[in-house]
């Protein structure tokens, strides 16, 4: 995973100026905050704590 992160930085961020990287970081933080606020407002359940909505697969009539 560390190697992947290094390559991403080298390929994508290496071509950007420090100001561009800072601006992108700021936008990412704003988007993340907006998503957190909208999730809280919608009262969504986090995926890691989501429970099954039904007891199992639908079963047909017994024969």
C-alpha atoms as a PDB file:
ATOM      1  CA  UNK A   1       0.000   0.000   0.000  1.00  0.00           C
ATOM      2  CA  UNK A   2       2.888   2.352   0.744  1.00  0.00           C
ATOM      3  CA  UNK A   3       4.370   1.715  -2.701  1.00  0.00           C
ATOM      4  CA  UNK A   4       1.001   2.449  -4.316  1.00  0.00           C
ATOM      5  CA  UNK A   5       0.713   5.738  -2.418  1.00  0.00           C
ATOM      6  CA  UNK A   6       4.221   6.735  -3.482  1.00  0.00           C
ATOM      7  CA  UNK A   7       3.464   6.034  -7.136  1.00  0.00           C
ATOM      8  CA  UNK A   8       0.210   7.998  -6.975  1.00  0.00           C
ATOM      9  CA  UNK A   9       2.083  10.949  -5.518  1.00  0.00           C
ATOM     10  CA  UNK A  10       4.822  10.677  -8.113  1.00  0.00           C
ATOM     11  CA  UNK A  11       2.498  10.349 -11.116  1.00  0.00           C
ATOM     12  CA  UNK A  12      -0.374  12.656 -10.211  1.00  0.00           C
ATOM     13  CA  UNK A  13       0.834  15.071  -7.568  1.00  0.00           C
ATOM     14  CA  UNK A  14       4.345  15.382  -8.974  1.00  0.00           C
ATOM     15  CA  UNK A  15       2.972  17.393 -11.889  1.00  0.00           C
ATOM     16  CA  UNK A  16       1.121  19.860  -9.644  1.00  0.00           C
ATOM     17  CA  UNK A  17       2.426  22.937  -7.865  1.00  0.00           C
ATOM     18  CA  UNK A  18       2.282  23.192  -4.083  1.00  0.00           C
ATOM     19  CA  UNK A  19      -0.540  25.748  -4.371  1.00  0.00           C
ATOM     20  CA  UNK A  20      -2.581  23.383  -6.562  1.00  0.00           C
ATOM     21  CA  UNK A  21      -2.086  20.519  -4.114  1.00  0.00           C
ATOM     22  CA  UNK A  22      -3.138  22.717  -1.190  1.00  0.00           C
ATOM     23  CA  UNK A  23      -6.248  23.866  -3.057  1.00  0.00           C
ATOM     24  CA  UNK A  24      -7.170  20.276  -3.907  1.00  0.00           C
ATOM     25  CA  UNK A  25      -6.669  19.234  -0.281  1.00  0.00           C
ATOM     26  CA  UNK A  26      -8.932  22.067   0.880  1.00  0.00           C
ATOM     27  CA  UNK A  27     -11.663  21.044  -1.579  1.00  0.00           C
ATOM     28  CA  UNK A  28     -11.403  17.412  -0.470  1.00  0.00           C
ATOM     29  CA  UNK A  29     -11.840  18.437   3.169  1.00  0.00           C
ATOM     30  CA  UNK A  30     -14.868  20.586   2.291  1.00  0.00           C
ATOM     31  CA  UNK A  31     -16.451  17.734   0.346  1.00  0.00           C
ATOM     32  CA  UNK A  32     -15.806  15.278   3.189  1.00  0.00           C
ATOM     33  CA  UNK A  33     -17.390  17.658   5.722  1.00  0.00           C
ATOM     34  CA  UNK A  34     -20.423  18.195   3.489  1.00  0.00           C
ATOM     35  CA  UNK A  35     -20.854  14.444   3.096  1.00  0.00           C
ATOM     36  CA  UNK A  36     -20.630  13.932   6.868  1.00  0.00           C
ATOM     37  CA  UNK A  37     -23.245  16.629   7.453  1.00  0.00           C
ATOM     38  CA  UNK A  38     -25.604  15.228   4.809  1.00  0.00           C
ATOM     39  CA  UNK A  39     -25.206  11.712   6.216  1.00  0.00           C
ATOM     40  CA  UNK A  40     -26.060  12.956   9.698  1.00  0.00           C
ATOM     41  CA  UNK A  41     -29.045  14.910   8.381  1.00  0.00           C
ATOM     42  CA  UNK A  42     -30.356  11.900   6.470  1.00  0.00           C
ATOM     43  CA  UNK A  43     -29.772   9.672   9.521  1.00  0.00           C
ATOM     44  CA  UNK A  44     -27.964   7.059   7.447  1.00  0.00           C
ATOM     45  CA  UNK A  45     -26.356   3.980   8.954  1.00  0.00           C
ATOM     46  CA  UNK A  46     -22.638   3.513   8.425  1.00  0.00           C
ATOM     47  CA  UNK A  47     -21.895   0.528   6.158  1.00  0.00           C
ATOM     48  CA  UNK A  48     -19.809  -1.236   8.803  1.00  0.00           C
ATOM     49  CA  UNK A  49     -22.784  -1.324  11.198  1.00  0.00           C
ATOM     50  CA  UNK A  50     -25.545  -2.000   8.667  1.00  0.00           C
ATOM     51  CA  UNK A  51     -27.723  -4.991   9.455  1.00  0.00           C
ATOM     52  CA  UNK A  52     -29.653  -7.160   7.047  1.00  0.00           C
ATOM     53  CA  UNK A  53     -33.073  -5.746   6.245  1.00  0.00           C
ATOM     54  CA  UNK A  54     -34.789  -9.113   5.953  1.00  0.00           C
ATOM     55  CA  UNK A  55     -34.243 -12.494   7.619  1.00  0.00           C
ATOM     56  CA  UNK A  56     -32.999 -14.212   4.476  1.00  0.00           C
ATOM     57  CA  UNK A  57     -33.909 -15.134   0.934  1.00  0.00           C
ATOM     58  CA  UNK A  58     -37.561 -15.221  -0.008  1.00  0.00           C
ATOM     59  CA  UNK A  59     -39.061 -18.670   0.171  1.00  0.00           C
ATOM     60  CA  UNK A  60     -41.788 -20.015  -2.029  1.00  0.00           C
ATOM     61  CA  UNK A  61     -44.884 -21.862  -0.783  1.00  0.00           C
ATOM     62  CA  UNK A  62     -44.335 -25.260   0.820  1.00  0.00           C
ATOM     63  CA  UNK A  63     -45.379 -28.162  -1.385  1.00  0.00           C
END
